[in-house]
Amino acid sequence: MEPFVIDKRDDAVKELRKADQRMNKLIEIVGNLTISMRPNYFKSLVRSIVGQQISVQAARTIFGRLEGLLENRIEPAAILKATDEQLRAIGLSRQKITYLRDLTAKVHDKTIDFDQMDGMDNPAVIKLLTSIKGIGKWTAEMFLIFSLGRMNVLAIDDIGIQRGAKWLYEVDKSERRQILLEKQPVWNPHLTIASFYLWEVVHLGFDKTYQSIDEIE
């Protein structure tokens, strides 16, 4: 899967800009975006489990060790062959090993069938993925965006998106989740594009550098 490019000239982006003037201004400032996707569905979920509740650097290190242990074959069969002791030795907690075992078992016995996911709607994918131990709604939403490439997903409880919305719409911290709920019908059906631009607010440090978008020339 090639990197996903969000271009200001795309019809979807134009529709989003027309629907929301503040979002329009943010898109104009940030410009086009290139998004790295995660086309290997199983590997994407394994990476999500490994990275839970630890720093990005720690997650990268442990995942790299896992790749080494499995000889770069992040596949159900390879994980089935790995012992708990080997997985513990590379830094995985017992809880995460349990999660990986559950994911692997469900994929192995086709309870989770990745070949069918492209034909499933978003709620159905979320319901299926959250049946796996250790995978919650947020992880399922990230999978919808970065692995399945769904264009109408808004992870309401994502802290980065909430921070971006708080800054862009100049609301109190207590209102940042509510503003997303209010904007959801405005941005529909381009929620994923809106999400990427709100993430950019944090990524580019706008919320730390400027009081409001009106300060950016």
C-alpha atoms as a PDB file:
ATOM      1  CA  MET A   1       0.000   0.000   0.000  1.00  0.00           C
ATOM      2  CA  GLU A   2       1.409   3.349  -1.061  1.00  0.00           C
ATOM      3  CA  PRO A   3       1.542   6.286   1.396  1.00  0.00           C
ATOM      4  CA  PHE A   4      -1.771   8.100   1.511  1.00  0.00           C
ATOM      5  CA  VAL A   5      -1.638  11.692   0.296  1.00  0.00           C
ATOM      6  CA  ILE A   6      -4.171  14.321   1.359  1.00  0.00           C
ATOM      7  CA  ASP A   7      -4.106  17.080  -1.249  1.00  0.00           C
ATOM      8  CA  LYS A   8      -5.821  20.436  -0.828  1.00  0.00           C
ATOM      9  CA  ARG A   9      -7.157  20.073  -4.367  1.00  0.00           C
ATOM     10  CA  ASP A  10      -9.038  16.852  -3.586  1.00  0.00           C
ATOM     11  CA  ASP A  11     -12.823  17.174  -3.720  1.00  0.00           C
ATOM     12  CA  ALA A  12     -13.139  15.681  -0.219  1.00  0.00           C
ATOM     13  CA  VAL A  13     -10.759  18.285   1.208  1.00  0.00           C
ATOM     14  CA  LYS A  14     -12.580  21.075  -0.617  1.00  0.00           C
ATOM     15  CA  GLU A  15     -15.896  19.903   0.850  1.00  0.00           C
ATOM     16  CA  LEU A  16     -14.416  19.832   4.353  1.00  0.00           C
ATOM     17  CA  ARG A  17     -12.943  23.317   3.934  1.00  0.00           C
ATOM     18  CA  LYS A  18     -16.251  24.690   2.718  1.00  0.00           C
ATOM     19  CA  ALA A  19     -18.081  23.153   5.696  1.00  0.00           C
ATOM     20  CA  ASP A  20     -15.848  24.633   8.418  1.00  0.00           C
ATOM     21  CA  GLN A  21     -13.986  27.938   8.133  1.00  0.00           C
ATOM     22  CA  ARG A  22     -11.597  27.268  11.036  1.00  0.00           C
ATOM     23  CA  MET A  23     -10.678  23.882   9.580  1.00  0.00           C
ATOM     24  CA  ASN A  24     -10.299  25.613   6.219  1.00  0.00           C
ATOM     25  CA  LYS A  25      -7.724  27.983   7.685  1.00  0.00           C
ATOM     26  CA  LEU A  26      -5.820  25.146   9.345  1.00  0.00           C
ATOM     27  CA  ILE A  27      -5.696  23.167   6.096  1.00  0.00           C
ATOM     28  CA  GLU A  28      -4.456  26.223   4.212  1.00  0.00           C
ATOM     29  CA  ILE A  29      -1.631  26.715   6.740  1.00  0.00           C
ATOM     30  CA  VAL A  30      -0.597  23.071   7.029  1.00  0.00           C
ATOM     31  CA  GLY A  31      -0.920  22.200   3.359  1.00  0.00           C
ATOM     32  CA  ASN A  32      -0.849  18.708   1.869  1.00  0.00           C
ATOM     33  CA  LEU A  33      -0.154  15.668   4.033  1.00  0.00           C
ATOM     34  CA  THR A  34       1.520  12.338   3.312  1.00  0.00           C
ATOM     35  CA  ILE A  35       0.428   9.546   5.644  1.00  0.00           C
ATOM     36  CA  SER A  36       2.308   6.279   6.168  1.00  0.00           C
ATOM     37  CA  MET A  37      -0.121   3.381   6.191  1.00  0.00           C
ATOM     38  CA  ARG A  38       0.088  -0.021   7.910  1.00  0.00           C
ATOM     39  CA  PRO A  39      -1.089  -2.474   5.249  1.00  0.00           C
ATOM     40  CA  ASN A  40      -0.074  -5.671   7.096  1.00  0.00           C
ATOM     41  CA  TYR A  41      -3.176  -6.135   9.262  1.00  0.00           C
ATOM     42  CA  PHE A  42      -1.775  -8.702  11.687  1.00  0.00           C
ATOM     43  CA  LYS A  43       1.503  -6.847  12.124  1.00  0.00           C
ATOM     44  CA  SER A  44      -0.403  -3.608  12.711  1.00  0.00           C
ATOM     45  CA  LEU A  45      -2.375  -5.129  15.601  1.00  0.00           C
ATOM     46  CA  VAL A  46       0.734  -6.758  17.084  1.00  0.00           C
ATOM     47  CA  ARG A  47       2.487  -3.389  16.993  1.00  0.00           C
ATOM     48  CA  SER A  48      -0.487  -1.769  18.738  1.00  0.00           C
ATOM     49  CA  ILE A  49      -0.442  -4.348  21.532  1.00  0.00           C
ATOM     50  CA  VAL A  50       3.331  -4.064  21.995  1.00  0.00           C
ATOM     51  CA  GLY A  51       3.094  -0.269  22.242  1.00  0.00           C
ATOM     52  CA  GLN A  52       0.397  -0.068  24.897  1.00  0.00           C
ATOM     53  CA  GLN A  53       1.204   2.097  27.942  1.00  0.00           C
ATOM     54  CA  ILE A  54       4.909   2.522  27.125  1.00  0.00           C
ATOM     55  CA  SER A  55       6.887   5.245  25.377  1.00  0.00           C
ATOM     56  CA  VAL A  56       7.235   5.333  21.601  1.00  0.00           C
ATOM     57  CA  GLN A  57      10.955   4.611  21.922  1.00  0.00           C
ATOM     58  CA  ALA A  58      10.410   1.641  24.232  1.00  0.00           C
ATOM     59  CA  ALA A  59       7.735   0.266  21.921  1.00  0.00           C
ATOM     60  CA  ARG A  60      10.038   0.609  18.918  1.00  0.00           C
ATOM     61  CA  THR A  61      12.822  -1.199  20.767  1.00  0.00           C
ATOM     62  CA  ILE A  62      10.661  -4.114  21.909  1.00  0.00           C
ATOM     63  CA  PHE A  63       9.003  -4.478  18.521  1.00  0.00           C
ATOM     64  CA  GLY A  64      12.446  -4.569  16.922  1.00  0.00           C
ATOM     65  CA  ARG A  65      13.442  -7.356  19.306  1.00  0.00           C
ATOM     66  CA  LEU A  66      10.253  -9.218  18.396  1.00  0.00           C
ATOM     67  CA  GLU A  67      11.138  -8.936  14.713  1.00  0.00           C
ATOM     68  CA  GLY A  68      14.576 -10.309  15.517  1.00  0.00           C
ATOM     69  CA  LEU A  69      13.145 -13.192  17.521  1.00  0.00           C
ATOM     70  CA  LEU A  70      10.716 -14.101  14.747  1.00  0.00           C
ATOM     71  CA  GLU A  71      13.252 -13.492  11.945  1.00  0.00           C
ATOM     72  CA  ASN A  72      11.119 -10.634  10.584  1.00  0.00           C
ATOM     73  CA  ARG A  73       8.088 -12.900  10.235  1.00  0.00           C
ATOM     74  CA  ILE A  74       5.410 -11.169  12.297  1.00  0.00           C
ATOM     75  CA  GLU A  75       2.887 -13.875  11.509  1.00  0.00           C
ATOM     76  CA  PRO A  76       0.564 -16.080  13.589  1.00  0.00           C
ATOM     77  CA  ALA A  77       2.583 -19.234  12.897  1.00  0.00           C
ATOM     78  CA  ALA A  78       5.806 -17.615  14.072  1.00  0.00           C
ATOM     79  CA  ILE A  79       4.255 -16.303  17.278  1.00  0.00           C
ATOM     80  CA  LEU A  80       2.709 -19.703  17.975  1.00  0.00           C
ATOM     81  CA  LYS A  81       6.197 -21.221  17.879  1.00  0.00           C
ATOM     82  CA  ALA A  82       7.686 -18.631  20.258  1.00  0.00           C
ATOM     83  CA  THR A  83       7.630 -19.584  23.936  1.00  0.00           C
ATOM     84  CA  ASP A  84       6.392 -17.313  26.707  1.00  0.00           C
ATOM     85  CA  GLU A  85       9.935 -17.285  28.078  1.00  0.00           C
ATOM     86  CA  GLN A  86      11.302 -15.994  24.779  1.00  0.00           C
ATOM     87  CA  LEU A  87       8.643 -13.295  24.600  1.00  0.00           C
ATOM     88  CA  ARG A  88       9.306 -12.263  28.190  1.00  0.00           C
ATOM     89  CA  ALA A  89      13.038 -12.073  27.463  1.00  0.00           C
ATOM     90  CA  ILE A  90      12.528  -9.389  24.803  1.00  0.00           C
ATOM     91  CA  GLY A  91      10.574  -7.198  27.220  1.00  0.00           C
ATOM     92  CA  LEU A  92       6.931  -8.150  26.808  1.00  0.00           C
ATOM     93  CA  SER A  93       4.835  -8.262  29.966  1.00  0.00           C
ATOM     94  CA  ARG A  94       2.826 -11.349  30.841  1.00  0.00           C
ATOM     95  CA  GLN A  95      -0.345  -9.395  30.117  1.00  0.00           C
ATOM     96  CA  LYS A  96       0.803  -8.417  26.628  1.00  0.00           C
ATOM     97  CA  ILE A  97       1.856 -11.996  25.927  1.00  0.00           C
ATOM     98  CA  THR A  98      -1.703 -13.036  26.843  1.00  0.00           C
ATOM     99  CA  TYR A  99      -3.044 -10.429  24.432  1.00  0.00           C
ATOM    100  CA  LEU A 100      -0.742 -11.592  21.632  1.00  0.00           C
ATOM    101  CA  ARG A 101      -1.741 -15.201  22.253  1.00  0.00           C
ATOM    102  CA  ASP A 102      -5.430 -14.300  22.030  1.00  0.00           C
ATOM    103  CA  LEU A 103      -4.936 -12.296  18.826  1.00  0.00           C
ATOM    104  CA  THR A 104      -2.875 -15.074  17.288  1.00  0.00           C
ATOM    105  CA  ALA A 105      -5.382 -17.778  18.221  1.00  0.00           C
ATOM    106  CA  LYS A 106      -8.332 -15.812  16.820  1.00  0.00           C
ATOM    107  CA  VAL A 107      -6.516 -15.122  13.545  1.00  0.00           C
ATOM    108  CA  HIS A 108      -5.290 -18.713  13.314  1.00  0.00           C
ATOM    109  CA  ASP A 109      -8.773 -20.198  13.721  1.00  0.00           C
ATOM    110  CA  LYS A 110     -10.342 -17.537  11.460  1.00  0.00           C
ATOM    111  CA  THR A 111     -12.437 -15.954  14.208  1.00  0.00           C
ATOM    112  CA  ILE A 112     -10.682 -12.845  12.920  1.00  0.00           C
ATOM    113  CA  ASP A 113     -10.641 -13.074   9.126  1.00  0.00           C
ATOM    114  CA  PHE A 114      -8.742 -10.160   7.631  1.00  0.00           C
ATOM    115  CA  ASP A 115      -9.896 -11.085   4.116  1.00  0.00           C
ATOM    116  CA  GLN A 116     -13.469 -10.203   5.078  1.00  0.00           C
ATOM    117  CA  MET A 117     -12.732  -6.853   6.706  1.00  0.00           C
ATOM    118  CA  ASP A 118     -12.739  -4.757   3.552  1.00  0.00           C
ATOM    119  CA  GLY A 119     -16.419  -5.619   3.118  1.00  0.00           C
ATOM    120  CA  MET A 120     -17.391  -4.829   6.719  1.00  0.00           C
ATOM    121  CA  ASP A 121     -18.634  -1.456   7.926  1.00  0.00           C
ATOM    122  CA  ASN A 122     -16.771   0.458  10.640  1.00  0.00           C
ATOM    123  CA  PRO A 123     -18.955  -0.585  13.624  1.00  0.00           C
ATOM    124  CA  ALA A 124     -18.660  -4.240  12.612  1.00  0.00           C
ATOM    125  CA  VAL A 125     -14.860  -4.028  12.397  1.00  0.00           C
ATOM    126  CA  ILE A 126     -14.693  -2.305  15.790  1.00  0.00           C
ATOM    127  CA  LYS A 127     -16.949  -4.951  17.356  1.00  0.00           C
ATOM    128  CA  LEU A 128     -14.821  -7.744  15.923  1.00  0.00           C
ATOM    129  CA  LEU A 129     -11.464  -6.265  16.920  1.00  0.00           C
ATOM    130  CA  THR A 130     -12.551  -5.374  20.449  1.00  0.00           C
ATOM    131  CA  SER A 131     -13.396  -9.036  21.000  1.00  0.00           C
ATOM    132  CA  ILE A 132      -9.612  -9.562  21.131  1.00  0.00           C
ATOM    133  CA  LYS A 133      -8.094  -9.265  24.608  1.00  0.00           C
ATOM    134  CA  GLY A 134      -6.217  -6.008  25.020  1.00  0.00           C
ATOM    135  CA  ILE A 135      -7.721  -4.259  21.993  1.00  0.00           C
ATOM    136  CA  GLY A 136     -10.091  -1.428  22.801  1.00  0.00           C
ATOM    137  CA  LYS A 137     -12.111   0.991  20.735  1.00  0.00           C
ATOM    138  CA  TRP A 138      -9.239   3.446  20.181  1.00  0.00           C
ATOM    139  CA  THR A 139      -6.920   0.732  18.822  1.00  0.00           C
ATOM    140  CA  ALA A 140      -9.715  -0.478  16.542  1.00  0.00           C
ATOM    141  CA  GLU A 141     -10.279   3.073  15.287  1.00  0.00           C
ATOM    142  CA  MET A 142      -6.557   3.474  14.519  1.00  0.00           C
ATOM    143  CA  PHE A 143      -6.727   0.197  12.606  1.00  0.00           C
ATOM    144  CA  LEU A 144      -9.670   1.509  10.581  1.00  0.00           C
ATOM    145  CA  ILE A 145      -7.682   4.609   9.654  1.00  0.00           C
ATOM    146  CA  PHE A 146      -4.135   3.369   9.158  1.00  0.00           C
ATOM    147  CA  SER A 147      -4.698  -0.207   7.959  1.00  0.00           C
ATOM    148  CA  LEU A 148      -8.098  -0.239   6.251  1.00  0.00           C
ATOM    149  CA  GLY A 149      -7.824   3.354   5.013  1.00  0.00           C
ATOM    150  CA  ARG A 150     -11.345   4.299   6.088  1.00  0.00           C
ATOM    151  CA  MET A 151     -12.079   7.973   5.415  1.00  0.00           C
ATOM    152  CA  ASN A 152     -14.872   8.672   7.875  1.00  0.00           C
ATOM    153  CA  VAL A 153     -13.442   7.831  11.301  1.00  0.00           C
ATOM    154  CA  LEU A 154     -13.224  10.192  14.270  1.00  0.00           C
ATOM    155  CA  ALA A 155     -11.597   8.836  17.413  1.00  0.00           C
ATOM    156  CA  ILE A 156     -13.428  11.064  19.870  1.00  0.00           C
ATOM    157  CA  ASP A 157     -11.291   9.962  22.825  1.00  0.00           C
ATOM    158  CA  ASP A 158      -7.905  10.407  21.143  1.00  0.00           C
ATOM    159  CA  ILE A 159      -5.986  12.927  23.241  1.00  0.00           C
ATOM    160  CA  GLY A 160      -4.075  14.349  20.280  1.00  0.00           C
ATOM    161  CA  ILE A 161      -7.264  15.034  18.350  1.00  0.00           C
ATOM    162  CA  GLN A 162      -8.843  16.565  21.450  1.00  0.00           C
ATOM    163  CA  ARG A 163      -5.825  18.838  21.968  1.00  0.00           C
ATOM    164  CA  GLY A 164      -5.953  19.954  18.355  1.00  0.00           C
ATOM    165  CA  ALA A 165      -9.660  20.718  18.589  1.00  0.00           C
ATOM    166  CA  LYS A 166      -9.260  22.588  21.881  1.00  0.00           C
ATOM    167  CA  TRP A 167      -6.675  24.874  20.307  1.00  0.00           C
ATOM    168  CA  LEU A 168      -8.366  25.340  16.925  1.00  0.00           C
ATOM    169  CA  TYR A 169     -11.788  26.177  18.360  1.00  0.00           C
ATOM    170  CA  GLU A 170     -10.460  27.906  21.489  1.00  0.00           C
ATOM    171  CA  VAL A 171     -12.469  25.967  24.042  1.00  0.00           C
ATOM    172  CA  ASP A 172     -11.643  24.958  27.611  1.00  0.00           C
ATOM    173  CA  LYS A 173     -10.028  21.605  28.293  1.00  0.00           C
ATOM    174  CA  SER A 174     -13.304  20.369  29.771  1.00  0.00           C
ATOM    175  CA  GLU A 175     -15.045  21.110  26.457  1.00  0.00           C
ATOM    176  CA  ARG A 176     -12.563  19.570  24.025  1.00  0.00           C
ATOM    177  CA  ARG A 177     -14.423  16.270  23.732  1.00  0.00           C
ATOM    178  CA  GLN A 178     -17.767  18.031  23.342  1.00  0.00           C
ATOM    179  CA  ILE A 179     -16.478  20.219  20.510  1.00  0.00           C
ATOM    180  CA  LEU A 180     -15.571  17.056  18.596  1.00  0.00           C
ATOM    181  CA  LEU A 181     -19.085  15.716  19.075  1.00  0.00           C
ATOM    182  CA  GLU A 182     -20.468  19.010  17.789  1.00  0.00           C
ATOM    183  CA  LYS A 183     -18.144  19.074  14.786  1.00  0.00           C
ATOM    184  CA  GLN A 184     -18.710  15.447  13.838  1.00  0.00           C
ATOM    185  CA  PRO A 185     -21.814  16.113  11.707  1.00  0.00           C
ATOM    186  CA  VAL A 186     -20.133  19.187  10.194  1.00  0.00           C
ATOM    187  CA  TRP A 187     -17.092  17.216   9.024  1.00  0.00           C
ATOM    188  CA  ASN A 188     -19.030  14.120   7.947  1.00  0.00           C
ATOM    189  CA  PRO A 189     -18.169  12.228   5.690  1.00  0.00           C
ATOM    190  CA  HIS A 190     -14.568  13.434   5.901  1.00  0.00           C
ATOM    191  CA  LEU A 191     -13.826  12.741   9.562  1.00  0.00           C
ATOM    192  CA  THR A 192     -10.484  11.057   8.904  1.00  0.00           C
ATOM    193  CA  ILE A 193      -9.147  14.058   6.991  1.00  0.00           C
ATOM    194  CA  ALA A 194     -10.218  16.369   9.823  1.00  0.00           C
ATOM    195  CA  SER A 195      -8.480  14.041  12.279  1.00  0.00           C
ATOM    196  CA  PHE A 196      -5.185  14.189  10.421  1.00  0.00           C
ATOM    197  CA  TYR A 197      -5.202  17.991  10.423  1.00  0.00           C
ATOM    198  CA  LEU A 198      -6.023  18.115  14.141  1.00  0.00           C
ATOM    199  CA  TRP A 199      -3.126  15.739  14.812  1.00  0.00           C
ATOM    200  CA  GLU A 200      -0.904  18.150  12.871  1.00  0.00           C
ATOM    201  CA  VAL A 201      -1.743  20.917  15.362  1.00  0.00           C
ATOM    202  CA  VAL A 202       0.064  18.880  18.012  1.00  0.00           C
ATOM    203  CA  HIS A 203       2.729  17.467  15.697  1.00  0.00           C
ATOM    204  CA  LEU A 204       3.742  20.949  14.550  1.00  0.00           C
ATOM    205  CA  GLY A 205       3.497  22.374  18.059  1.00  0.00           C
ATOM    206  CA  PHE A 206       0.903  24.995  17.164  1.00  0.00           C
ATOM    207  CA  ASP A 207      -0.887  24.505  20.467  1.00  0.00           C
ATOM    208  CA  LYS A 208       2.347  25.201  22.359  1.00  0.00           C
ATOM    209  CA  THR A 209       3.556  28.100  20.229  1.00  0.00           C
ATOM    210  CA  TYR A 210       0.418  30.080  19.438  1.00  0.00           C
ATOM    211  CA  GLN A 211      -2.606  31.077  21.480  1.00  0.00           C
ATOM    212  CA  SER A 212      -4.830  30.717  18.438  1.00  0.00           C
ATOM    213  CA  ILE A 213      -4.679  30.046  14.738  1.00  0.00           C
ATOM    214  CA  ASP A 214      -5.203  33.745  14.093  1.00  0.00           C
ATOM    215  CA  GLU A 215      -1.629  34.393  15.296  1.00  0.00           C
ATOM    216  CA  ILE A 216      -0.183  32.344  12.427  1.00  0.00           C
ATOM    217  CA  GLU A 217       0.499  34.353   9.318  1.00  0.00           C
END
